[in-house]
């Protein structure tokens, strides 16, 4: 099975992520939404979008992961922006190319305090990936350039960027409820890693010390126990 696919290109083409979320909720609950499911111009584009959603978002480690994601997606206590971040994290788990670009380009820019990203930043990294995976990635230069553009478009629709040609990075506000969701989600998708070495923890948009201090806040005592030995921090989740 191929490690990489170009679902990012299709995800970047989906016109309305609020409608996409309503589609997922409707498919899960069977209850028609105010968006009347997933309205697009042609049946062909609808099938194309649904395949990309299934390939890049609706990918689950376990039944518990799936249940947790959908229960949170239908929870009105979470805002639309919260749910867009849930989709963002799901795409990191579901699509290796999205994970690699995000980890090596977007999040590095975030932690370096950069304010913007260009299509060429993404394109250059994808070209590097192609060179390192020459036997698998036989994509044309045109496809690589489209990935650069569509990745940034997806970020914009996820509420993490703004602008046209060069995208300005938008730093998300992660409230307490969403923070609890994120920490539990990290351990559901990577259950054998309860420390800050979990490969998804870096997507919290928090420097390590700020993350540790937040984990230790008194309001999170009902959700987990924190053990720190030197630089090693272990998060033991409590049953809800």
C-alpha atoms as a PDB file:
ATOM      1  CA  UNK A   1       0.000   0.000   0.000  1.00  0.00           C
ATOM      2  CA  UNK A   2       1.326   3.435  -0.970  1.00  0.00           C
ATOM      3  CA  UNK A   3       2.577   5.612   1.882  1.00  0.00           C
ATOM      4  CA  UNK A   4       1.510   8.822   0.171  1.00  0.00           C
ATOM      5  CA  UNK A   5      -1.511   9.939  -1.822  1.00  0.00           C
ATOM      6  CA  UNK A   6      -2.615  13.295  -3.190  1.00  0.00           C
ATOM      7  CA  UNK A   7      -5.928  13.569  -1.312  1.00  0.00           C
ATOM      8  CA  UNK A   8      -4.687  16.983  -0.139  1.00  0.00           C
ATOM      9  CA  UNK A   9      -5.452  18.321  -3.614  1.00  0.00           C
ATOM     10  CA  UNK A  10      -9.088  17.285  -3.371  1.00  0.00           C
ATOM     11  CA  UNK A  11      -9.431  18.385   0.263  1.00  0.00           C
ATOM     12  CA  UNK A  12      -8.182  21.817  -0.769  1.00  0.00           C
ATOM     13  CA  UNK A  13     -10.867  21.943  -3.457  1.00  0.00           C
ATOM     14  CA  UNK A  14     -13.816  21.283  -1.134  1.00  0.00           C
ATOM     15  CA  UNK A  15     -15.634  24.631  -1.177  1.00  0.00           C
ATOM     16  CA  UNK A  16     -17.196  24.711   2.273  1.00  0.00           C
ATOM     17  CA  UNK A  17     -15.771  22.948   5.319  1.00  0.00           C
ATOM     18  CA  UNK A  18     -18.845  23.766   7.424  1.00  0.00           C
ATOM     19  CA  UNK A  19     -20.897  21.788   4.902  1.00  0.00           C
ATOM     20  CA  UNK A  20     -18.303  19.010   5.023  1.00  0.00           C
ATOM     21  CA  UNK A  21     -18.697  18.759   8.797  1.00  0.00           C
ATOM     22  CA  UNK A  22     -22.488  18.713   8.456  1.00  0.00           C
ATOM     23  CA  UNK A  23     -22.147  15.932   5.888  1.00  0.00           C
ATOM     24  CA  UNK A  24     -20.084  13.859   8.323  1.00  0.00           C
ATOM     25  CA  UNK A  25     -22.563  14.449  11.128  1.00  0.00           C
ATOM     26  CA  UNK A  26     -25.506  13.556   8.898  1.00  0.00           C
ATOM     27  CA  UNK A  27     -23.839  10.361   7.720  1.00  0.00           C
ATOM     28  CA  UNK A  28     -23.098   9.412  11.334  1.00  0.00           C
ATOM     29  CA  UNK A  29     -26.457  10.287  12.884  1.00  0.00           C
ATOM     30  CA  UNK A  30     -28.785   9.766   9.928  1.00  0.00           C
ATOM     31  CA  UNK A  31     -30.413  13.104  10.768  1.00  0.00           C
ATOM     32  CA  UNK A  32     -30.646  15.572   7.836  1.00  0.00           C
ATOM     33  CA  UNK A  33     -28.715  18.788   8.420  1.00  0.00           C
ATOM     34  CA  UNK A  34     -29.565  22.401   7.665  1.00  0.00           C
ATOM     35  CA  UNK A  35     -27.055  22.224   4.818  1.00  0.00           C
ATOM     36  CA  UNK A  36     -29.074  19.412   3.229  1.00  0.00           C
ATOM     37  CA  UNK A  37     -26.076  17.115   3.346  1.00  0.00           C
ATOM     38  CA  UNK A  38     -23.280  17.941   0.934  1.00  0.00           C
ATOM     39  CA  UNK A  39     -24.436  20.218  -1.902  1.00  0.00           C
ATOM     40  CA  UNK A  40     -22.099  20.411  -4.892  1.00  0.00           C
ATOM     41  CA  UNK A  41     -22.507  21.175  -8.555  1.00  0.00           C
ATOM     42  CA  UNK A  42     -22.222  17.651  -9.937  1.00  0.00           C
ATOM     43  CA  UNK A  43     -22.527  14.085  -8.702  1.00  0.00           C
ATOM     44  CA  UNK A  44     -18.997  13.504  -9.996  1.00  0.00           C
ATOM     45  CA  UNK A  45     -17.497  16.159  -7.741  1.00  0.00           C
ATOM     46  CA  UNK A  46     -19.546  14.889  -4.809  1.00  0.00           C
ATOM     47  CA  UNK A  47     -18.112  11.370  -5.185  1.00  0.00           C
ATOM     48  CA  UNK A  48     -14.609  12.791  -5.531  1.00  0.00           C
ATOM     49  CA  UNK A  49     -14.951  14.831  -2.365  1.00  0.00           C
ATOM     50  CA  UNK A  50     -16.441  11.977  -0.376  1.00  0.00           C
ATOM     51  CA  UNK A  51     -13.578   9.665  -1.378  1.00  0.00           C
ATOM     52  CA  UNK A  52     -11.040  12.267  -0.233  1.00  0.00           C
ATOM     53  CA  UNK A  53     -12.864  12.712   3.078  1.00  0.00           C
ATOM     54  CA  UNK A  54     -12.892   8.956   3.625  1.00  0.00           C
ATOM     55  CA  UNK A  55      -9.208   8.671   2.692  1.00  0.00           C
ATOM     56  CA  UNK A  56      -7.877  11.707   4.563  1.00  0.00           C
ATOM     57  CA  UNK A  57     -10.238  12.387   7.482  1.00  0.00           C
ATOM     58  CA  UNK A  58     -12.401   9.422   8.405  1.00  0.00           C
ATOM     59  CA  UNK A  59      -9.470   7.148   9.226  1.00  0.00           C
ATOM     60  CA  UNK A  60      -9.480   5.662  12.717  1.00  0.00           C
ATOM     61  CA  UNK A  61      -7.077   3.752  14.934  1.00  0.00           C
ATOM     62  CA  UNK A  62      -9.876   1.972  16.813  1.00  0.00           C
ATOM     63  CA  UNK A  63     -13.602   1.917  17.521  1.00  0.00           C
ATOM     64  CA  UNK A  64     -12.892   4.089  20.561  1.00  0.00           C
ATOM     65  CA  UNK A  65     -11.133   6.671  18.402  1.00  0.00           C
ATOM     66  CA  UNK A  66     -14.031   6.735  15.931  1.00  0.00           C
ATOM     67  CA  UNK A  67     -16.653   7.046  18.663  1.00  0.00           C
ATOM     68  CA  UNK A  68     -14.712   9.794  20.426  1.00  0.00           C
ATOM     69  CA  UNK A  69     -14.327  11.816  17.223  1.00  0.00           C
ATOM     70  CA  UNK A  70     -17.976  11.603  16.197  1.00  0.00           C
ATOM     71  CA  UNK A  71     -19.311  12.217  19.707  1.00  0.00           C
ATOM     72  CA  UNK A  72     -17.243  15.396  19.838  1.00  0.00           C
ATOM     73  CA  UNK A  73     -18.207  16.448  16.321  1.00  0.00           C
ATOM     74  CA  UNK A  74     -21.922  16.373  17.189  1.00  0.00           C
ATOM     75  CA  UNK A  75     -21.382  18.101  20.555  1.00  0.00           C
ATOM     76  CA  UNK A  76     -22.747  21.657  20.372  1.00  0.00           C
ATOM     77  CA  UNK A  77     -20.449  22.656  23.236  1.00  0.00           C
ATOM     78  CA  UNK A  78     -17.668  22.804  20.646  1.00  0.00           C
ATOM     79  CA  UNK A  79     -17.614  25.784  18.283  1.00  0.00           C
ATOM     80  CA  UNK A  80     -17.245  25.588  14.521  1.00  0.00           C
ATOM     81  CA  UNK A  81     -13.591  26.618  14.876  1.00  0.00           C
ATOM     82  CA  UNK A  82     -13.070  23.839  17.432  1.00  0.00           C
ATOM     83  CA  UNK A  83     -14.502  21.325  14.982  1.00  0.00           C
ATOM     84  CA  UNK A  84     -12.252  22.594  12.200  1.00  0.00           C
ATOM     85  CA  UNK A  85      -9.273  21.838  14.451  1.00  0.00           C
ATOM     86  CA  UNK A  86     -10.663  18.353  15.066  1.00  0.00           C
ATOM     87  CA  UNK A  87     -10.715  17.890  11.274  1.00  0.00           C
ATOM     88  CA  UNK A  88      -7.158  19.253  11.059  1.00  0.00           C
ATOM     89  CA  UNK A  89      -5.915  16.729  13.625  1.00  0.00           C
ATOM     90  CA  UNK A  90      -7.812  13.919  11.895  1.00  0.00           C
ATOM     91  CA  UNK A  91      -6.130  14.797   8.604  1.00  0.00           C
ATOM     92  CA  UNK A  92      -2.757  14.576  10.332  1.00  0.00           C
ATOM     93  CA  UNK A  93      -3.598  11.047  11.395  1.00  0.00           C
ATOM     94  CA  UNK A  94      -5.325  10.006   8.172  1.00  0.00           C
ATOM     95  CA  UNK A  95      -2.956  11.363   5.543  1.00  0.00           C
ATOM     96  CA  UNK A  96       0.806  10.847   5.712  1.00  0.00           C
ATOM     97  CA  UNK A  97       1.581  13.595   3.203  1.00  0.00           C
ATOM     98  CA  UNK A  98      -0.475  16.109   5.189  1.00  0.00           C
ATOM     99  CA  UNK A  99       1.314  14.993   8.372  1.00  0.00           C
ATOM    100  CA  UNK A 100       4.790  15.330   6.875  1.00  0.00           C
ATOM    101  CA  UNK A 101       4.207  18.736   5.279  1.00  0.00           C
ATOM    102  CA  UNK A 102       2.577  20.026   8.455  1.00  0.00           C
ATOM    103  CA  UNK A 103       5.305  18.706  10.754  1.00  0.00           C
ATOM    104  CA  UNK A 104       8.250  19.769   8.600  1.00  0.00           C
ATOM    105  CA  UNK A 105       7.004  23.051   7.132  1.00  0.00           C
ATOM    106  CA  UNK A 106       3.929  24.508   8.827  1.00  0.00           C
ATOM    107  CA  UNK A 107       4.630  23.659  12.480  1.00  0.00           C
ATOM    108  CA  UNK A 108       8.324  24.516  12.149  1.00  0.00           C
ATOM    109  CA  UNK A 109       7.225  27.932  10.879  1.00  0.00           C
ATOM    110  CA  UNK A 110       4.820  28.216  13.829  1.00  0.00           C
ATOM    111  CA  UNK A 111       7.462  27.359  16.428  1.00  0.00           C
ATOM    112  CA  UNK A 112      10.005  29.637  14.767  1.00  0.00           C
ATOM    113  CA  UNK A 113       7.528  32.499  15.067  1.00  0.00           C
ATOM    114  CA  UNK A 114       7.159  33.036  11.322  1.00  0.00           C
ATOM    115  CA  UNK A 115       4.132  34.984  10.163  1.00  0.00           C
ATOM    116  CA  UNK A 116       3.515  33.500   6.729  1.00  0.00           C
ATOM    117  CA  UNK A 117       4.027  30.660   4.270  1.00  0.00           C
ATOM    118  CA  UNK A 118       4.142  30.596   0.467  1.00  0.00           C
ATOM    119  CA  UNK A 119       3.196  27.941  -2.046  1.00  0.00           C
ATOM    120  CA  UNK A 120       6.888  27.640  -2.869  1.00  0.00           C
ATOM    121  CA  UNK A 121       7.667  26.695   0.759  1.00  0.00           C
ATOM    122  CA  UNK A 122       5.367  23.683   0.423  1.00  0.00           C
ATOM    123  CA  UNK A 123       6.405  22.907  -3.146  1.00  0.00           C
ATOM    124  CA  UNK A 124      10.100  22.828  -2.184  1.00  0.00           C
ATOM    125  CA  UNK A 125       9.446  20.347   0.603  1.00  0.00           C
ATOM    126  CA  UNK A 126       7.279  18.096  -1.587  1.00  0.00           C
ATOM    127  CA  UNK A 127      10.040  18.080  -4.207  1.00  0.00           C
ATOM    128  CA  UNK A 128      12.413  16.917  -1.469  1.00  0.00           C
ATOM    129  CA  UNK A 129       9.957  14.158  -0.523  1.00  0.00           C
ATOM    130  CA  UNK A 130       9.782  13.044  -4.135  1.00  0.00           C
ATOM    131  CA  UNK A 131      13.582  12.853  -4.294  1.00  0.00           C
ATOM    132  CA  UNK A 132      13.694  10.806  -1.074  1.00  0.00           C
ATOM    133  CA  UNK A 133      10.886   8.497  -2.252  1.00  0.00           C
ATOM    134  CA  UNK A 134      11.751   8.280  -5.934  1.00  0.00           C
ATOM    135  CA  UNK A 135      10.373   4.768  -6.435  1.00  0.00           C
ATOM    136  CA  UNK A 136       6.980   5.625  -4.976  1.00  0.00           C
ATOM    137  CA  UNK A 137       6.396   9.263  -5.881  1.00  0.00           C
ATOM    138  CA  UNK A 138       6.204   9.565  -9.648  1.00  0.00           C
ATOM    139  CA  UNK A 139       4.148  12.768  -9.515  1.00  0.00           C
ATOM    140  CA  UNK A 140       4.743  15.416 -12.162  1.00  0.00           C
ATOM    141  CA  UNK A 141       6.026  18.910 -11.396  1.00  0.00           C
ATOM    142  CA  UNK A 142       2.506  20.176 -12.055  1.00  0.00           C
ATOM    143  CA  UNK A 143       1.088  17.870  -9.385  1.00  0.00           C
ATOM    144  CA  UNK A 144       3.760  18.951  -6.894  1.00  0.00           C
ATOM    145  CA  UNK A 145       2.917  22.616  -7.479  1.00  0.00           C
ATOM    146  CA  UNK A 146      -0.801  21.914  -7.084  1.00  0.00           C
ATOM    147  CA  UNK A 147      -0.084  20.177  -3.759  1.00  0.00           C
ATOM    148  CA  UNK A 148       1.709  23.313  -2.573  1.00  0.00           C
ATOM    149  CA  UNK A 149      -1.255  25.486  -3.478  1.00  0.00           C
ATOM    150  CA  UNK A 150      -4.014  23.154  -2.261  1.00  0.00           C
ATOM    151  CA  UNK A 151      -2.267  22.470   1.055  1.00  0.00           C
ATOM    152  CA  UNK A 152      -2.307  26.178   1.893  1.00  0.00           C
ATOM    153  CA  UNK A 153      -5.902  26.458   0.693  1.00  0.00           C
ATOM    154  CA  UNK A 154      -6.851  23.616   3.044  1.00  0.00           C
ATOM    155  CA  UNK A 155      -5.084  25.411   5.916  1.00  0.00           C
ATOM    156  CA  UNK A 156      -7.103  28.537   5.140  1.00  0.00           C
ATOM    157  CA  UNK A 157     -10.364  26.594   5.176  1.00  0.00           C
ATOM    158  CA  UNK A 158      -9.324  24.990   8.464  1.00  0.00           C
ATOM    159  CA  UNK A 159      -8.953  28.456   9.967  1.00  0.00           C
ATOM    160  CA  UNK A 160      -5.161  28.260  10.241  1.00  0.00           C
ATOM    161  CA  UNK A 161      -4.192  30.706   7.507  1.00  0.00           C
ATOM    162  CA  UNK A 162      -5.506  33.771   5.744  1.00  0.00           C
ATOM    163  CA  UNK A 163      -4.670  35.696   2.594  1.00  0.00           C
ATOM    164  CA  UNK A 164      -4.322  34.858  -1.082  1.00  0.00           C
ATOM    165  CA  UNK A 165      -0.905  34.306  -2.650  1.00  0.00           C
ATOM    166  CA  UNK A 166       1.227  34.217   0.501  1.00  0.00           C
ATOM    167  CA  UNK A 167      -0.751  32.880   3.443  1.00  0.00           C
ATOM    168  CA  UNK A 168      -0.537  34.562   6.836  1.00  0.00           C
ATOM    169  CA  UNK A 169      -0.441  32.018   9.671  1.00  0.00           C
ATOM    170  CA  UNK A 170      -3.377  32.187  12.082  1.00  0.00           C
ATOM    171  CA  UNK A 171      -2.624  30.880  15.552  1.00  0.00           C
ATOM    172  CA  UNK A 172      -5.684  29.033  16.885  1.00  0.00           C
ATOM    173  CA  UNK A 173      -7.286  29.581  20.265  1.00  0.00           C
ATOM    174  CA  UNK A 174      -7.540  26.193  21.976  1.00  0.00           C
ATOM    175  CA  UNK A 175      -9.921  26.435  24.923  1.00  0.00           C
ATOM    176  CA  UNK A 176      -9.901  24.060  27.865  1.00  0.00           C
ATOM    177  CA  UNK A 177     -12.530  21.664  26.468  1.00  0.00           C
ATOM    178  CA  UNK A 178     -10.710  21.384  23.140  1.00  0.00           C
ATOM    179  CA  UNK A 179      -7.376  20.965  24.925  1.00  0.00           C
ATOM    180  CA  UNK A 180      -8.815  18.009  26.860  1.00  0.00           C
ATOM    181  CA  UNK A 181     -10.131  16.621  23.570  1.00  0.00           C
ATOM    182  CA  UNK A 182      -6.686  16.978  21.962  1.00  0.00           C
ATOM    183  CA  UNK A 183      -4.774  15.233  24.748  1.00  0.00           C
ATOM    184  CA  UNK A 184      -7.231  12.326  24.796  1.00  0.00           C
ATOM    185  CA  UNK A 185      -7.181  12.184  20.989  1.00  0.00           C
ATOM    186  CA  UNK A 186      -3.366  11.973  20.950  1.00  0.00           C
ATOM    187  CA  UNK A 187      -3.456   8.891  23.141  1.00  0.00           C
ATOM    188  CA  UNK A 188      -6.283   7.293  21.167  1.00  0.00           C
ATOM    189  CA  UNK A 189      -4.356   7.531  17.898  1.00  0.00           C
ATOM    190  CA  UNK A 190      -1.028   6.613  19.522  1.00  0.00           C
ATOM    191  CA  UNK A 191      -1.953   4.584  22.632  1.00  0.00           C
ATOM    192  CA  UNK A 192       1.550   3.305  23.355  1.00  0.00           C
ATOM    193  CA  UNK A 193       3.027   6.774  23.804  1.00  0.00           C
ATOM    194  CA  UNK A 194       1.762   8.645  26.867  1.00  0.00           C
ATOM    195  CA  UNK A 195       4.683  11.076  27.028  1.00  0.00           C
ATOM    196  CA  UNK A 196       5.503  14.244  25.145  1.00  0.00           C
ATOM    197  CA  UNK A 197       7.232  11.999  22.595  1.00  0.00           C
ATOM    198  CA  UNK A 198       3.782  11.215  21.206  1.00  0.00           C
ATOM    199  CA  UNK A 199       4.191  12.157  17.509  1.00  0.00           C
ATOM    200  CA  UNK A 200       0.999  14.230  17.548  1.00  0.00           C
ATOM    201  CA  UNK A 201       1.679  16.356  20.638  1.00  0.00           C
ATOM    202  CA  UNK A 202       3.679  18.836  18.530  1.00  0.00           C
ATOM    203  CA  UNK A 203       0.420  19.911  16.881  1.00  0.00           C
ATOM    204  CA  UNK A 204      -0.822  21.547  20.098  1.00  0.00           C
ATOM    205  CA  UNK A 205       0.610  24.937  18.974  1.00  0.00           C
ATOM    206  CA  UNK A 206       2.319  25.192  22.381  1.00  0.00           C
ATOM    207  CA  UNK A 207       6.013  25.263  23.243  1.00  0.00           C
ATOM    208  CA  UNK A 208       7.022  22.360  25.482  1.00  0.00           C
ATOM    209  CA  UNK A 209       7.252  24.296  28.748  1.00  0.00           C
ATOM    210  CA  UNK A 210       3.962  26.097  28.107  1.00  0.00           C
ATOM    211  CA  UNK A 211       2.373  22.744  27.270  1.00  0.00           C
ATOM    212  CA  UNK A 212       3.677  21.145  30.480  1.00  0.00           C
ATOM    213  CA  UNK A 213       2.453  24.069  32.578  1.00  0.00           C
ATOM    214  CA  UNK A 214      -0.960  23.866  30.974  1.00  0.00           C
ATOM    215  CA  UNK A 215      -1.179  20.115  31.535  1.00  0.00           C
ATOM    216  CA  UNK A 216      -0.520  20.745  35.240  1.00  0.00           C
ATOM    217  CA  UNK A 217      -3.307  23.312  35.660  1.00  0.00           C
ATOM    218  CA  UNK A 218      -5.678  22.496  38.507  1.00  0.00           C
ATOM    219  CA  UNK A 219      -8.758  22.415  36.270  1.00  0.00           C
ATOM    220  CA  UNK A 220      -7.383  19.365  34.465  1.00  0.00           C
ATOM    221  CA  UNK A 221      -6.991  17.232  37.595  1.00  0.00           C
ATOM    222  CA  UNK A 222     -10.264  15.373  36.794  1.00  0.00           C
ATOM    223  CA  UNK A 223      -8.895  14.348  33.384  1.00  0.00           C
ATOM    224  CA  UNK A 224      -5.336  13.127  33.924  1.00  0.00           C
ATOM    225  CA  UNK A 225      -2.407  12.641  36.273  1.00  0.00           C
ATOM    226  CA  UNK A 226       0.959  14.114  35.357  1.00  0.00           C
ATOM    227  CA  UNK A 227       4.248  12.467  36.341  1.00  0.00           C
ATOM    228  CA  UNK A 228       7.498  14.287  35.630  1.00  0.00           C
ATOM    229  CA  UNK A 229      10.922  12.690  35.967  1.00  0.00           C
ATOM    230  CA  UNK A 230      13.519  15.157  34.710  1.00  0.00           C
ATOM    231  CA  UNK A 231      12.489  16.015  31.148  1.00  0.00           C
ATOM    232  CA  UNK A 232      10.205  12.975  30.876  1.00  0.00           C
ATOM    233  CA  UNK A 233       6.530  13.852  31.318  1.00  0.00           C
ATOM    234  CA  UNK A 234       3.908  11.097  31.408  1.00  0.00           C
ATOM    235  CA  UNK A 235       0.184  11.762  31.007  1.00  0.00           C
ATOM    236  CA  UNK A 236      -2.038   9.127  32.584  1.00  0.00           C
ATOM    237  CA  UNK A 237      -5.641   9.667  31.502  1.00  0.00           C
ATOM    238  CA  UNK A 238      -8.448   9.136  33.976  1.00  0.00           C
ATOM    239  CA  UNK A 239     -11.677   7.362  33.074  1.00  0.00           C
ATOM    240  CA  UNK A 240     -14.535   9.775  32.506  1.00  0.00           C
END
